[in-house]
């Protein structure tokens, strides 16, 4: 069972981040968009709630199946 105090601490540490990524040319939308997002040209601006900027960026890159071009 998950410890209540650990869960509450994790919730308290959440913050809102805006992550900017280049949209891969092979990207296509599938289903619902999980975050507030707008795309201008080939740049996506994603607002996401996460415990750190590193995790926010990782989750956004995973969504876009990010690969360095």
C-alpha atoms as a PDB file:
ATOM      1  CA  UNK A   1       0.000   0.000   0.000  1.00  0.00           C
ATOM      2  CA  UNK A   2       1.263   3.482  -0.877  1.00  0.00           C
ATOM      3  CA  UNK A   3       2.227   5.586   2.140  1.00  0.00           C
ATOM      4  CA  UNK A   4      -0.204   8.503   2.579  1.00  0.00           C
ATOM      5  CA  UNK A   5       2.539  10.947   3.616  1.00  0.00           C
ATOM      6  CA  UNK A   6       4.675  10.064   0.579  1.00  0.00           C
ATOM      7  CA  UNK A   7       1.683  10.571  -1.724  1.00  0.00           C
ATOM      8  CA  UNK A   8       0.806  13.934  -0.136  1.00  0.00           C
ATOM      9  CA  UNK A   9       4.419  15.127  -0.401  1.00  0.00           C
ATOM     10  CA  UNK A  10       4.476  14.190  -4.095  1.00  0.00           C
ATOM     11  CA  UNK A  11       1.251  16.121  -4.686  1.00  0.00           C
ATOM     12  CA  UNK A  12       2.638  19.177  -2.852  1.00  0.00           C
ATOM     13  CA  UNK A  13       5.743  19.122  -5.075  1.00  0.00           C
ATOM     14  CA  UNK A  14       3.785  19.291  -8.340  1.00  0.00           C
ATOM     15  CA  UNK A  15       4.169  22.449 -10.403  1.00  0.00           C
ATOM     16  CA  UNK A  16       3.012  23.677 -13.793  1.00  0.00           C
ATOM     17  CA  UNK A  17       5.643  23.827 -16.537  1.00  0.00           C
ATOM     18  CA  UNK A  18       5.586  24.920 -20.160  1.00  0.00           C
ATOM     19  CA  UNK A  19       7.715  22.689 -22.340  1.00  0.00           C
ATOM     20  CA  UNK A  20       8.649  23.622 -25.910  1.00  0.00           C
ATOM     21  CA  UNK A  21       9.608  20.862 -28.328  1.00  0.00           C
ATOM     22  CA  UNK A  22      10.023  20.527 -32.065  1.00  0.00           C
ATOM     23  CA  UNK A  23       7.202  18.436 -33.499  1.00  0.00           C
ATOM     24  CA  UNK A  24       8.677  15.473 -35.403  1.00  0.00           C
ATOM     25  CA  UNK A  25       7.687  15.382 -39.079  1.00  0.00           C
ATOM     26  CA  UNK A  26       6.289  11.878 -38.544  1.00  0.00           C
ATOM     27  CA  UNK A  27       3.966  12.921 -35.679  1.00  0.00           C
ATOM     28  CA  UNK A  28       0.202  12.509 -36.034  1.00  0.00           C
ATOM     29  CA  UNK A  29      -2.456  12.943 -33.354  1.00  0.00           C
ATOM     30  CA  UNK A  30      -3.962   9.751 -31.966  1.00  0.00           C
ATOM     31  CA  UNK A  31      -6.858  10.107 -29.539  1.00  0.00           C
ATOM     32  CA  UNK A  32      -7.139  12.771 -26.890  1.00  0.00           C
ATOM     33  CA  UNK A  33      -4.401  15.304 -26.232  1.00  0.00           C
ATOM     34  CA  UNK A  34      -3.380  14.791 -22.577  1.00  0.00           C
ATOM     35  CA  UNK A  35      -2.305  18.405 -21.858  1.00  0.00           C
ATOM     36  CA  UNK A  36      -2.979  21.994 -22.826  1.00  0.00           C
ATOM     37  CA  UNK A  37      -1.017  22.397 -26.032  1.00  0.00           C
ATOM     38  CA  UNK A  38      -0.680  24.717 -28.977  1.00  0.00           C
ATOM     39  CA  UNK A  39       1.431  24.210 -32.054  1.00  0.00           C
ATOM     40  CA  UNK A  40       2.910  27.019 -34.114  1.00  0.00           C
ATOM     41  CA  UNK A  41       4.763  25.886 -37.201  1.00  0.00           C
ATOM     42  CA  UNK A  42       6.857  22.941 -36.079  1.00  0.00           C
ATOM     43  CA  UNK A  43       7.034  23.993 -32.401  1.00  0.00           C
ATOM     44  CA  UNK A  44       4.702  22.610 -29.730  1.00  0.00           C
ATOM     45  CA  UNK A  45       4.154  24.540 -26.492  1.00  0.00           C
ATOM     46  CA  UNK A  46       2.812  22.148 -23.870  1.00  0.00           C
ATOM     47  CA  UNK A  47       1.589  23.110 -20.392  1.00  0.00           C
ATOM     48  CA  UNK A  48       1.955  20.150 -18.042  1.00  0.00           C
ATOM     49  CA  UNK A  49       1.788  19.509 -14.304  1.00  0.00           C
ATOM     50  CA  UNK A  50       4.728  17.445 -13.046  1.00  0.00           C
ATOM     51  CA  UNK A  51       7.072  17.190 -10.063  1.00  0.00           C
ATOM     52  CA  UNK A  52      10.032  18.600 -12.040  1.00  0.00           C
ATOM     53  CA  UNK A  53      10.910  20.196 -15.358  1.00  0.00           C
ATOM     54  CA  UNK A  54      12.966  17.109 -16.221  1.00  0.00           C
ATOM     55  CA  UNK A  55       9.969  14.809 -15.787  1.00  0.00           C
ATOM     56  CA  UNK A  56       7.685  17.245 -17.637  1.00  0.00           C
ATOM     57  CA  UNK A  57      10.042  17.313 -20.642  1.00  0.00           C
ATOM     58  CA  UNK A  58      10.436  13.524 -20.540  1.00  0.00           C
ATOM     59  CA  UNK A  59       6.659  12.973 -20.592  1.00  0.00           C
ATOM     60  CA  UNK A  60       6.146  15.417 -23.467  1.00  0.00           C
ATOM     61  CA  UNK A  61       8.972  13.889 -25.506  1.00  0.00           C
ATOM     62  CA  UNK A  62       7.531  10.427 -24.878  1.00  0.00           C
ATOM     63  CA  UNK A  63       4.112  11.623 -26.125  1.00  0.00           C
ATOM     64  CA  UNK A  64       5.657  12.912 -29.341  1.00  0.00           C
ATOM     65  CA  UNK A  65       7.822   9.768 -29.644  1.00  0.00           C
ATOM     66  CA  UNK A  66      10.719  12.201 -29.643  1.00  0.00           C
ATOM     67  CA  UNK A  67      13.834  11.326 -31.620  1.00  0.00           C
ATOM     68  CA  UNK A  68      16.743  13.645 -32.319  1.00  0.00           C
ATOM     69  CA  UNK A  69      16.742  14.614 -36.002  1.00  0.00           C
END
